[in-house]
Amino acid sequence: EGLMSDEPSVGGDIFVIPSTGGNATNITPGRKSSPSWLTWTSDNKILFAETLDADSSISLVDPQSPTISNLWRGAESITAGLWNPNLSVSSDGTHSAVIRSSFSAPPEVLAGAIGQWKQITERNKDLKPGWGDAKSIQWTNDKFEIQGWLIAPKDFDPSKKYPMVVAVHGGPGAAVQSAWPGAGSFEMALPASGYL
């Protein structure tokens, strides 16, 4: 459940509706995240990927007693080729595959148990960032908790002053995550000078 600007961008809360009909039950009420992908497990739980702050996260919820267990969380983007955090899971639920990237690491395919993935590809091993360090920062404005990325120019010198480019995008359902430009949830458009 959620309202997004782009059809493939999903997020919100997870609801369960009995197959015999009846009312929908929100099993993630008040969760400060935005689930973006889910699947049923063989033991009738729901495995889901979510945006948690600006991180990718994978969690498990039991609809009978909505206790959420976090299985993995990282300051990076994980996808299976779609927007927002998601993964590909084997039919028995023991293995998964993701395309993983961050501001400092270009996308590569990884596979294995959730959170214990081993890198499979090395197609982008020679790519290097055209920008400096990225730092997640948080602040409060009008009672809203806000997260943003501060990305330094390449070869940043703290004794110099630099112009700043601000790109505003809403979240958390469609939050900008640490991802290689063009590889994550949303493309990060770096100006010709190479900084944001």
N, C-alpha and C. Protein backbone atom coordinates (compact mmCIF):
# COMPACT_ATOMS: atom_id res chain seq x y z
N GLU A 1 0.85 -1.17 0.00
CA GLU A 1 0.00 0.00 0.00
C GLU A 1 0.89 1.22 0.00
N GLY A 2 0.60 2.15 -0.87
CA GLY A 2 1.36 3.38 -0.91
C GLY A 2 1.01 4.17 -2.15
N LEU A 3 1.40 5.42 -2.18
CA LEU A 3 1.12 6.28 -3.31
C LEU A 3 2.43 6.83 -3.82
N MET A 4 2.78 6.50 -5.03
CA MET A 4 4.05 6.93 -5.60
C MET A 4 3.80 7.66 -6.92
N SER A 5 4.78 8.41 -7.36
CA SER A 5 4.65 9.18 -8.59
C SER A 5 4.87 8.33 -9.83
N ASP A 6 5.65 7.26 -9.71
CA ASP A 6 5.98 6.41 -10.85
C ASP A 6 5.49 5.00 -10.57
N GLU A 7 4.83 4.38 -11.54
CA GLU A 7 4.20 3.08 -11.33
C GLU A 7 5.14 2.00 -10.79
N PRO A 8 6.38 1.87 -11.30
CA PRO A 8 7.23 0.79 -10.75
C PRO A 8 7.86 1.14 -9.40
N SER A 9 7.68 2.36 -8.93
CA SER A 9 8.22 2.76 -7.63
C SER A 9 7.17 2.45 -6.57
N VAL A 10 7.39 1.38 -5.81
CA VAL A 10 6.39 0.97 -4.82
C VAL A 10 6.92 1.18 -3.42
N GLY A 11 6.02 1.32 -2.48
CA GLY A 11 6.42 1.48 -1.10
C GLY A 11 5.22 1.85 -0.25
N GLY A 12 5.36 1.73 1.03
CA GLY A 12 4.27 2.06 1.94
C GLY A 12 4.25 1.08 3.09
N ASP A 13 3.10 0.48 3.36
CA ASP A 13 2.94 -0.52 4.41
C ASP A 13 2.54 -1.85 3.78
N ILE A 14 2.74 -2.92 4.52
CA ILE A 14 2.32 -4.25 4.06
C ILE A 14 0.98 -4.58 4.70
N PHE A 15 0.01 -4.94 3.86
CA PHE A 15 -1.31 -5.34 4.30
C PHE A 15 -1.54 -6.80 3.93
N VAL A 16 -2.30 -7.52 4.75
CA VAL A 16 -2.69 -8.90 4.47
C VAL A 16 -4.22 -8.93 4.40
N ILE A 17 -4.73 -9.59 3.35
CA ILE A 17 -6.17 -9.75 3.17
C ILE A 17 -6.46 -11.25 3.10
N PRO A 18 -7.40 -11.76 3.89
CA PRO A 18 -7.72 -13.19 3.83
C PRO A 18 -8.17 -13.59 2.42
N SER A 19 -7.75 -14.77 1.96
CA SER A 19 -8.15 -15.22 0.62
C SER A 19 -9.65 -15.46 0.52
N THR A 20 -10.31 -15.63 1.66
CA THR A 20 -11.77 -15.82 1.69
C THR A 20 -12.51 -14.50 1.71
N GLY A 21 -11.76 -13.39 1.74
CA GLY A 21 -12.37 -12.07 1.80
C GLY A 21 -12.30 -11.52 3.21
N GLY A 22 -12.62 -10.28 3.34
CA GLY A 22 -12.57 -9.64 4.65
C GLY A 22 -11.76 -8.38 4.62
N ASN A 23 -11.46 -7.86 5.78
CA ASN A 23 -10.75 -6.60 5.90
C ASN A 23 -9.25 -6.78 5.72
N ALA A 24 -8.63 -5.76 5.18
CA ALA A 24 -7.17 -5.72 5.08
C ALA A 24 -6.58 -5.34 6.43
N THR A 25 -5.50 -6.03 6.81
CA THR A 25 -4.83 -5.74 8.08
C THR A 25 -3.42 -5.24 7.80
N ASN A 26 -3.10 -4.06 8.31
CA ASN A 26 -1.76 -3.51 8.17
C ASN A 26 -0.85 -4.24 9.16
N ILE A 27 0.16 -4.95 8.66
CA ILE A 27 1.06 -5.69 9.56
C ILE A 27 2.39 -4.96 9.77
N THR A 28 2.51 -3.75 9.25
CA THR A 28 3.71 -2.93 9.50
C THR A 28 3.32 -1.52 9.96
N PRO A 29 2.31 -1.37 10.80
CA PRO A 29 1.88 -0.01 11.18
C PRO A 29 2.97 0.70 11.99
N GLY A 30 3.16 1.97 11.68
CA GLY A 30 4.11 2.77 12.43
C GLY A 30 5.57 2.49 12.12
N ARG A 31 5.85 1.55 11.24
CA ARG A 31 7.24 1.23 10.91
C ARG A 31 7.84 2.40 10.14
N LYS A 32 9.01 2.85 10.58
CA LYS A 32 9.67 4.00 9.93
C LYS A 32 10.53 3.50 8.78
N SER A 33 9.87 2.87 7.83
CA SER A 33 10.53 2.37 6.63
C SER A 33 9.49 2.34 5.53
N SER A 34 9.91 1.95 4.35
CA SER A 34 8.97 1.79 3.26
C SER A 34 9.27 0.48 2.54
N PRO A 35 8.50 -0.58 2.84
CA PRO A 35 8.69 -1.84 2.13
C PRO A 35 8.45 -1.66 0.63
N SER A 36 9.29 -2.29 -0.18
CA SER A 36 9.21 -2.10 -1.63
C SER A 36 9.13 -3.40 -2.41
N TRP A 37 9.28 -4.53 -1.73
CA TRP A 37 9.23 -5.85 -2.39
C TRP A 37 8.91 -6.87 -1.31
N LEU A 38 8.15 -7.92 -1.69
CA LEU A 38 7.86 -8.96 -0.71
C LEU A 38 7.59 -10.29 -1.38
N THR A 39 7.71 -11.35 -0.59
CA THR A 39 7.35 -12.70 -1.02
C THR A 39 7.00 -13.52 0.21
N TRP A 40 6.14 -14.51 0.02
CA TRP A 40 5.81 -15.44 1.10
C TRP A 40 6.93 -16.46 1.24
N THR A 41 7.21 -16.88 2.47
CA THR A 41 8.17 -17.94 2.72
C THR A 41 7.41 -19.26 2.90
N SER A 42 8.13 -20.37 2.90
CA SER A 42 7.49 -21.68 3.03
C SER A 42 6.81 -21.87 4.38
N ASP A 43 7.21 -21.09 5.39
CA ASP A 43 6.58 -21.21 6.72
C ASP A 43 5.57 -20.07 6.98
N ASN A 44 5.01 -19.53 5.88
CA ASN A 44 3.93 -18.54 5.93
C ASN A 44 4.32 -17.22 6.60
N LYS A 45 5.56 -16.83 6.44
CA LYS A 45 5.98 -15.50 6.85
C LYS A 45 6.19 -14.67 5.59
N ILE A 46 6.41 -13.39 5.77
CA ILE A 46 6.64 -12.51 4.62
C ILE A 46 8.05 -11.96 4.70
N LEU A 47 8.83 -12.29 3.68
CA LEU A 47 10.17 -11.75 3.51
C LEU A 47 10.02 -10.47 2.70
N PHE A 48 10.60 -9.37 3.17
CA PHE A 48 10.44 -8.13 2.40
C PHE A 48 11.71 -7.29 2.41
N ALA A 49 11.87 -6.52 1.34
CA ALA A 49 12.96 -5.54 1.22
C ALA A 49 12.34 -4.17 1.46
N GLU A 50 13.14 -3.26 2.02
CA GLU A 50 12.60 -1.96 2.39
C GLU A 50 13.68 -0.89 2.36
N THR A 51 13.23 0.35 2.29
CA THR A 51 14.11 1.49 2.51
C THR A 51 13.95 1.87 3.97
N LEU A 52 15.05 1.85 4.71
CA LEU A 52 15.05 2.14 6.14
C LEU A 52 16.04 3.28 6.34
N ASP A 53 15.54 4.46 6.68
CA ASP A 53 16.32 5.70 6.57
C ASP A 53 16.75 5.76 5.10
N ALA A 54 18.02 5.82 4.80
CA ALA A 54 18.43 5.80 3.39
C ALA A 54 19.07 4.47 3.04
N ASP A 55 19.00 3.51 3.95
CA ASP A 55 19.63 2.21 3.74
C ASP A 55 18.68 1.24 3.06
N SER A 56 19.26 0.21 2.45
CA SER A 56 18.49 -0.96 2.01
C SER A 56 18.43 -1.92 3.18
N SER A 57 17.31 -2.61 3.32
CA SER A 57 17.14 -3.53 4.43
C SER A 57 16.29 -4.71 3.97
N ILE A 58 16.54 -5.87 4.56
CA ILE A 58 15.73 -7.06 4.30
C ILE A 58 15.24 -7.56 5.65
N SER A 59 13.93 -7.75 5.76
CA SER A 59 13.32 -8.14 7.02
C SER A 59 12.31 -9.25 6.81
N LEU A 60 11.85 -9.81 7.92
CA LEU A 60 10.90 -10.91 7.92
C LEU A 60 9.80 -10.58 8.93
N VAL A 61 8.54 -10.78 8.52
CA VAL A 61 7.41 -10.52 9.42
C VAL A 61 6.47 -11.72 9.41
N ASP A 62 5.96 -12.05 10.59
CA ASP A 62 4.96 -13.10 10.73
C ASP A 62 3.60 -12.42 10.83
N PRO A 63 2.71 -12.60 9.84
CA PRO A 63 1.42 -11.91 9.87
C PRO A 63 0.54 -12.29 11.06
N GLN A 64 0.79 -13.46 11.67
CA GLN A 64 -0.01 -13.88 12.82
C GLN A 64 0.36 -13.11 14.09
N SER A 65 1.60 -12.70 14.20
CA SER A 65 2.05 -11.89 15.34
C SER A 65 3.09 -10.93 14.79
N PRO A 66 2.65 -9.78 14.28
CA PRO A 66 3.52 -8.91 13.50
C PRO A 66 4.80 -8.43 14.20
N THR A 67 5.65 -9.39 14.49
CA THR A 67 6.98 -9.07 15.00
C THR A 67 7.92 -9.07 13.80
N ILE A 68 8.68 -8.00 13.65
CA ILE A 68 9.56 -7.87 12.50
C ILE A 68 10.99 -8.17 12.91
N SER A 69 11.63 -9.07 12.17
CA SER A 69 13.04 -9.42 12.39
C SER A 69 13.85 -8.86 11.24
N ASN A 70 14.85 -8.05 11.56
CA ASN A 70 15.73 -7.53 10.51
C ASN A 70 16.80 -8.57 10.22
N LEU A 71 16.93 -8.96 8.95
CA LEU A 71 17.90 -9.97 8.54
C LEU A 71 19.20 -9.35 8.02
N TRP A 72 19.10 -8.15 7.44
CA TRP A 72 20.27 -7.49 6.87
C TRP A 72 19.94 -6.02 6.63
N ARG A 73 20.95 -5.17 6.78
CA ARG A 73 20.80 -3.74 6.49
C ARG A 73 22.14 -3.20 6.02
N GLY A 74 22.12 -2.36 4.97
CA GLY A 74 23.36 -1.79 4.46
C GLY A 74 23.14 -0.42 3.85
N ALA A 75 24.16 0.42 3.93
CA ALA A 75 24.13 1.77 3.35
C ALA A 75 24.51 1.67 1.88
N GLU A 76 23.64 1.04 1.12
CA GLU A 76 23.87 0.78 -0.30
C GLU A 76 22.54 0.47 -0.96
N SER A 77 22.59 0.25 -2.25
CA SER A 77 21.40 -0.10 -3.01
C SER A 77 21.49 -1.57 -3.39
N ILE A 78 20.39 -2.30 -3.18
CA ILE A 78 20.29 -3.68 -3.66
C ILE A 78 19.05 -3.78 -4.52
N THR A 79 19.19 -4.36 -5.69
CA THR A 79 18.05 -4.53 -6.59
C THR A 79 18.18 -5.87 -7.31
N ALA A 80 17.09 -6.23 -7.96
CA ALA A 80 17.11 -7.37 -8.89
C ALA A 80 16.68 -6.83 -10.24
N GLY A 81 17.04 -5.58 -10.51
CA GLY A 81 16.76 -4.96 -11.79
C GLY A 81 15.58 -4.00 -11.77
N LEU A 82 14.96 -3.80 -10.61
CA LEU A 82 13.84 -2.88 -10.49
C LEU A 82 14.24 -1.71 -9.62
N TRP A 83 13.32 -0.75 -9.47
CA TRP A 83 13.57 0.37 -8.57
C TRP A 83 13.41 -0.08 -7.14
N ASN A 84 14.00 0.64 -6.23
CA ASN A 84 13.85 0.44 -4.79
C ASN A 84 14.43 -0.91 -4.36
N PRO A 85 14.71 -1.09 -3.08
CA PRO A 85 15.31 -2.34 -2.62
C PRO A 85 14.45 -3.55 -2.97
N ASN A 86 15.08 -4.55 -3.58
CA ASN A 86 14.43 -5.82 -3.88
C ASN A 86 15.51 -6.85 -4.17
N LEU A 87 15.13 -8.09 -4.26
CA LEU A 87 16.08 -9.16 -4.49
C LEU A 87 15.39 -10.30 -5.21
N SER A 88 16.17 -11.25 -5.66
CA SER A 88 15.64 -12.46 -6.27
C SER A 88 15.93 -13.60 -5.30
N VAL A 89 14.90 -14.40 -4.99
CA VAL A 89 15.03 -15.45 -3.97
C VAL A 89 14.74 -16.81 -4.60
N SER A 90 15.52 -17.83 -4.21
CA SER A 90 15.29 -19.19 -4.69
C SER A 90 13.95 -19.70 -4.14
N SER A 91 13.39 -20.72 -4.81
CA SER A 91 12.07 -21.22 -4.40
C SER A 91 12.05 -21.76 -2.98
N ASP A 92 13.20 -22.28 -2.49
CA ASP A 92 13.22 -22.77 -1.10
C ASP A 92 13.60 -21.68 -0.10
N GLY A 93 13.89 -20.48 -0.60
CA GLY A 93 14.18 -19.34 0.27
C GLY A 93 15.57 -19.32 0.89
N THR A 94 16.43 -20.26 0.51
CA THR A 94 17.75 -20.34 1.14
C THR A 94 18.81 -19.49 0.45
N HIS A 95 18.57 -19.15 -0.82
CA HIS A 95 19.56 -18.35 -1.56
C HIS A 95 18.88 -17.15 -2.19
N SER A 96 19.67 -16.13 -2.42
CA SER A 96 19.15 -14.92 -3.05
C SER A 96 20.24 -14.33 -3.93
N ALA A 97 19.82 -13.43 -4.79
CA ALA A 97 20.75 -12.71 -5.66
C ALA A 97 20.34 -11.25 -5.70
N VAL A 98 21.34 -10.38 -5.77
CA VAL A 98 21.10 -8.93 -5.82
C VAL A 98 22.11 -8.29 -6.76
N ILE A 99 21.75 -7.12 -7.25
CA ILE A 99 22.71 -6.22 -7.89
C ILE A 99 22.99 -5.18 -6.83
N ARG A 100 24.23 -5.09 -6.41
CA ARG A 100 24.59 -4.25 -5.26
C ARG A 100 25.51 -3.12 -5.73
N SER A 101 25.23 -1.91 -5.25
CA SER A 101 26.10 -0.78 -5.55
C SER A 101 25.98 0.26 -4.45
N SER A 102 26.91 1.21 -4.44
CA SER A 102 26.88 2.33 -3.51
C SER A 102 27.58 3.50 -4.17
N PHE A 103 27.66 4.62 -3.46
CA PHE A 103 28.38 5.76 -4.02
C PHE A 103 29.85 5.44 -4.26
N SER A 104 30.39 4.46 -3.52
CA SER A 104 31.81 4.13 -3.67
C SER A 104 32.06 2.84 -4.43
N ALA A 105 31.02 2.07 -4.74
CA ALA A 105 31.20 0.78 -5.42
C ALA A 105 30.22 0.65 -6.58
N PRO A 106 30.73 0.43 -7.80
CA PRO A 106 29.83 0.26 -8.94
C PRO A 106 29.05 -1.05 -8.85
N PRO A 107 27.98 -1.19 -9.63
CA PRO A 107 27.13 -2.37 -9.51
C PRO A 107 27.81 -3.67 -9.93
N GLU A 108 27.53 -4.70 -9.12
CA GLU A 108 27.97 -6.07 -9.44
C GLU A 108 26.88 -7.02 -8.93
N VAL A 109 26.85 -8.22 -9.48
CA VAL A 109 25.90 -9.24 -9.07
C VAL A 109 26.50 -10.06 -7.94
N LEU A 110 25.71 -10.28 -6.88
CA LEU A 110 26.12 -11.10 -5.75
C LEU A 110 25.04 -12.15 -5.50
N ALA A 111 25.43 -13.30 -4.94
CA ALA A 111 24.46 -14.35 -4.64
C ALA A 111 24.89 -15.11 -3.40
N GLY A 112 23.91 -15.74 -2.75
CA GLY A 112 24.17 -16.54 -1.56
C GLY A 112 23.06 -16.36 -0.55
N ALA A 113 23.30 -16.77 0.68
CA ALA A 113 22.34 -16.57 1.75
C ALA A 113 22.16 -15.07 1.98
N ILE A 114 20.98 -14.66 2.40
CA ILE A 114 20.69 -13.23 2.58
C ILE A 114 21.72 -12.59 3.51
N GLY A 115 22.34 -11.53 3.00
CA GLY A 115 23.34 -10.80 3.76
C GLY A 115 24.72 -11.44 3.79
N GLN A 116 24.84 -12.63 3.25
CA GLN A 116 26.13 -13.32 3.18
C GLN A 116 26.50 -13.57 1.72
N TRP A 117 26.11 -12.64 0.87
CA TRP A 117 26.33 -12.79 -0.56
C TRP A 117 27.81 -12.81 -0.91
N LYS A 118 28.11 -13.52 -1.96
CA LYS A 118 29.46 -13.54 -2.54
C LYS A 118 29.36 -12.91 -3.92
N GLN A 119 30.35 -12.09 -4.26
CA GLN A 119 30.33 -11.41 -5.54
C GLN A 119 30.53 -12.41 -6.68
N ILE A 120 29.67 -12.31 -7.71
CA ILE A 120 29.70 -13.22 -8.86
C ILE A 120 30.37 -12.55 -10.07
N THR A 121 30.08 -11.27 -10.28
CA THR A 121 30.63 -10.58 -11.46
C THR A 121 31.72 -9.59 -11.06
N GLU A 122 32.52 -9.21 -12.06
CA GLU A 122 33.55 -8.17 -11.88
C GLU A 122 33.56 -7.26 -13.10
N ARG A 123 32.39 -7.04 -13.68
CA ARG A 123 32.31 -6.25 -14.91
C ARG A 123 32.74 -4.80 -14.71
N ASN A 124 32.55 -4.25 -13.52
CA ASN A 124 32.81 -2.83 -13.30
C ASN A 124 33.99 -2.57 -12.37
N LYS A 125 34.86 -3.56 -12.22
CA LYS A 125 35.95 -3.44 -11.25
C LYS A 125 36.91 -2.29 -11.54
N ASP A 126 36.98 -1.83 -12.77
CA ASP A 126 37.90 -0.74 -13.11
C ASP A 126 37.27 0.64 -13.00
N LEU A 127 35.98 0.71 -12.71
CA LEU A 127 35.32 2.00 -12.56
C LEU A 127 35.69 2.64 -11.22
N LYS A 128 35.96 3.92 -11.24
CA LYS A 128 36.28 4.68 -10.03
C LYS A 128 35.34 5.87 -9.94
N PRO A 129 34.94 6.27 -8.73
CA PRO A 129 34.04 7.41 -8.59
C PRO A 129 34.66 8.70 -9.13
N GLY A 130 33.81 9.54 -9.74
CA GLY A 130 34.24 10.85 -10.21
C GLY A 130 33.91 11.92 -9.18
N TRP A 131 33.67 11.52 -7.94
CA TRP A 131 33.28 12.41 -6.85
C TRP A 131 34.00 11.96 -5.58
N GLY A 132 33.86 12.73 -4.53
CA GLY A 132 34.52 12.41 -3.27
C GLY A 132 33.63 11.59 -2.35
N ASP A 133 33.93 11.66 -1.06
CA ASP A 133 33.19 10.90 -0.07
C ASP A 133 31.73 11.35 0.01
N ALA A 134 30.86 10.40 0.30
CA ALA A 134 29.43 10.68 0.51
C ALA A 134 29.11 10.41 1.97
N LYS A 135 28.37 11.34 2.57
CA LYS A 135 28.01 11.20 3.98
C LYS A 135 26.49 11.37 4.12
N SER A 136 25.86 10.44 4.83
CA SER A 136 24.44 10.56 5.14
C SER A 136 24.29 11.50 6.33
N ILE A 137 23.45 12.51 6.17
CA ILE A 137 23.21 13.46 7.27
C ILE A 137 21.71 13.50 7.57
N GLN A 138 21.38 13.77 8.82
CA GLN A 138 19.98 13.84 9.23
C GLN A 138 19.74 15.11 10.03
N TRP A 139 18.54 15.67 9.88
CA TRP A 139 18.16 16.85 10.63
C TRP A 139 16.64 16.88 10.77
N THR A 140 16.15 17.79 11.61
CA THR A 140 14.72 17.94 11.82
C THR A 140 14.29 19.31 11.34
N ASN A 141 13.15 19.37 10.63
CA ASN A 141 12.61 20.62 10.13
C ASN A 141 11.09 20.54 10.25
N ASP A 142 10.48 21.49 10.98
CA ASP A 142 9.03 21.49 11.20
C ASP A 142 8.53 20.13 11.67
N LYS A 143 9.22 19.53 12.61
CA LYS A 143 8.87 18.23 13.21
C LYS A 143 9.04 17.06 12.25
N PHE A 144 9.59 17.29 11.07
CA PHE A 144 9.86 16.20 10.13
C PHE A 144 11.32 15.78 10.26
N GLU A 145 11.56 14.47 10.29
CA GLU A 145 12.93 13.94 10.28
C GLU A 145 13.35 13.81 8.83
N ILE A 146 14.47 14.44 8.50
CA ILE A 146 14.92 14.49 7.11
C ILE A 146 16.32 13.88 7.02
N GLN A 147 16.53 13.14 5.94
CA GLN A 147 17.85 12.55 5.66
C GLN A 147 18.29 13.06 4.30
N GLY A 148 19.57 13.31 4.16
CA GLY A 148 20.11 13.74 2.88
C GLY A 148 21.53 13.24 2.72
N TRP A 149 22.05 13.40 1.53
CA TRP A 149 23.42 13.00 1.22
C TRP A 149 24.25 14.24 0.96
N LEU A 150 25.40 14.30 1.59
CA LEU A 150 26.37 15.36 1.32
C LEU A 150 27.52 14.69 0.59
N ILE A 151 27.67 15.03 -0.69
CA ILE A 151 28.68 14.39 -1.53
C ILE A 151 29.74 15.42 -1.89
N ALA A 152 30.94 15.14 -1.45
CA ALA A 152 32.05 16.08 -1.66
C ALA A 152 32.58 15.96 -3.09
N PRO A 153 33.20 17.04 -3.58
CA PRO A 153 33.85 16.95 -4.89
C PRO A 153 35.06 16.01 -4.82
N LYS A 154 35.45 15.51 -5.96
CA LYS A 154 36.66 14.68 -6.02
C LYS A 154 37.84 15.54 -5.58
N ASP A 155 38.76 14.94 -4.86
CA ASP A 155 39.95 15.64 -4.35
C ASP A 155 39.56 16.84 -3.47
N PHE A 156 38.56 16.66 -2.63
CA PHE A 156 38.06 17.71 -1.75
C PHE A 156 39.18 18.27 -0.86
N ASP A 157 39.25 19.58 -0.79
CA ASP A 157 40.21 20.28 0.06
C ASP A 157 39.42 21.09 1.08
N PRO A 158 39.46 20.74 2.38
CA PRO A 158 38.66 21.44 3.37
C PRO A 158 39.02 22.91 3.55
N SER A 159 40.17 23.34 3.05
CA SER A 159 40.54 24.75 3.17
C SER A 159 39.91 25.61 2.08
N LYS A 160 39.26 24.98 1.10
CA LYS A 160 38.63 25.72 0.00
C LYS A 160 37.12 25.76 0.17
N LYS A 161 36.49 26.74 -0.49
CA LYS A 161 35.04 26.83 -0.55
C LYS A 161 34.58 26.30 -1.90
N TYR A 162 33.47 25.59 -1.90
CA TYR A 162 32.92 25.01 -3.12
C TYR A 162 31.46 25.41 -3.26
N PRO A 163 30.98 25.54 -4.50
CA PRO A 163 29.53 25.76 -4.67
C PRO A 163 28.78 24.48 -4.32
N MET A 164 27.50 24.62 -4.01
CA MET A 164 26.69 23.46 -3.66
C MET A 164 25.50 23.36 -4.60
N VAL A 165 25.23 22.15 -5.07
CA VAL A 165 24.05 21.87 -5.86
C VAL A 165 23.12 21.06 -4.96
N VAL A 166 21.85 21.47 -4.88
CA VAL A 166 20.89 20.76 -4.05
C VAL A 166 19.84 20.13 -4.96
N ALA A 167 19.65 18.81 -4.82
CA ALA A 167 18.62 18.09 -5.55
C ALA A 167 17.66 17.52 -4.52
N VAL A 168 16.41 17.96 -4.54
CA VAL A 168 15.43 17.55 -3.54
C VAL A 168 14.54 16.46 -4.14
N HIS A 169 14.39 15.36 -3.40
CA HIS A 169 13.48 14.30 -3.82
C HIS A 169 12.85 13.69 -2.58
N GLY A 170 11.56 13.44 -2.63
CA GLY A 170 10.84 12.92 -1.48
C GLY A 170 11.17 11.49 -1.14
N GLY A 171 10.81 11.10 0.05
CA GLY A 171 11.00 9.74 0.52
C GLY A 171 10.06 9.52 1.68
N PRO A 172 10.10 8.43 2.39
CA PRO A 172 11.10 7.38 2.23
C PRO A 172 10.77 6.37 1.14
N GLY A 173 9.52 6.42 0.62
CA GLY A 173 9.13 5.43 -0.38
C GLY A 173 9.98 5.48 -1.63
N ALA A 174 10.47 6.61 -1.97
CA ALA A 174 11.30 6.75 -3.15
C ALA A 174 12.56 7.53 -2.78
N ALA A 175 13.16 7.14 -1.68
CA ALA A 175 14.34 7.83 -1.19
C ALA A 175 15.53 7.58 -2.10
N VAL A 176 16.41 8.55 -2.18
CA VAL A 176 17.66 8.36 -2.92
C VAL A 176 18.61 7.62 -1.98
N GLN A 177 19.10 6.49 -2.45
CA GLN A 177 20.00 5.69 -1.64
C GLN A 177 21.42 5.81 -2.16
N SER A 178 22.36 5.33 -1.35
CA SER A 178 23.74 5.27 -1.80
C SER A 178 23.80 4.27 -2.94
N ALA A 179 24.02 4.76 -4.14
CA ALA A 179 24.04 3.91 -5.34
C ALA A 179 24.92 4.55 -6.39
N TRP A 180 25.55 3.73 -7.17
CA TRP A 180 26.34 4.21 -8.30
C TRP A 180 25.39 4.92 -9.25
N PRO A 181 25.76 6.08 -9.80
CA PRO A 181 24.86 6.81 -10.69
C PRO A 181 24.31 5.91 -11.80
N GLY A 182 22.97 5.89 -11.90
CA GLY A 182 22.32 5.08 -12.92
C GLY A 182 22.08 3.65 -12.51
N ALA A 183 22.55 3.23 -11.32
CA ALA A 183 22.44 1.83 -10.91
C ALA A 183 21.48 1.62 -9.77
N GLY A 184 21.06 2.66 -9.08
CA GLY A 184 20.25 2.48 -7.89
C GLY A 184 18.80 2.79 -8.14
N SER A 185 18.13 3.13 -7.05
CA SER A 185 16.71 3.43 -7.12
C SER A 185 16.43 4.59 -8.07
N PHE A 186 17.25 5.59 -8.02
CA PHE A 186 17.11 6.74 -8.88
C PHE A 186 18.49 7.14 -9.37
N GLU A 187 18.53 7.72 -10.56
CA GLU A 187 19.82 8.16 -11.07
C GLU A 187 20.24 9.43 -10.37
N MET A 188 21.52 9.48 -10.02
CA MET A 188 22.07 10.68 -9.42
C MET A 188 22.76 11.45 -10.54
N ALA A 189 22.24 12.59 -10.88
CA ALA A 189 22.79 13.36 -11.99
C ALA A 189 23.94 14.24 -11.48
N LEU A 190 25.15 13.86 -11.79
CA LEU A 190 26.29 14.66 -11.39
C LEU A 190 26.56 15.73 -12.43
N PRO A 191 26.72 16.98 -12.01
CA PRO A 191 27.04 18.01 -12.96
C PRO A 191 28.42 17.79 -13.57
N ALA A 192 28.69 18.49 -14.64
CA ALA A 192 29.96 18.30 -15.36
C ALA A 192 31.16 18.49 -14.46
N SER A 193 31.03 19.34 -13.43
CA SER A 193 32.15 19.59 -12.54
C SER A 193 32.38 18.42 -11.58
N GLY A 194 31.43 17.47 -11.53
CA GLY A 194 31.64 16.22 -10.79
C GLY A 194 31.31 16.26 -9.32
N TYR A 195 30.44 17.15 -8.88
CA TYR A 195 30.09 17.14 -7.46
C TYR A 195 28.61 17.46 -7.29
N LEU A 196 28.11 17.10 -6.13
CA LEU A 196 26.77 17.49 -5.70
C LEU A 196 26.87 18.14 -4.35
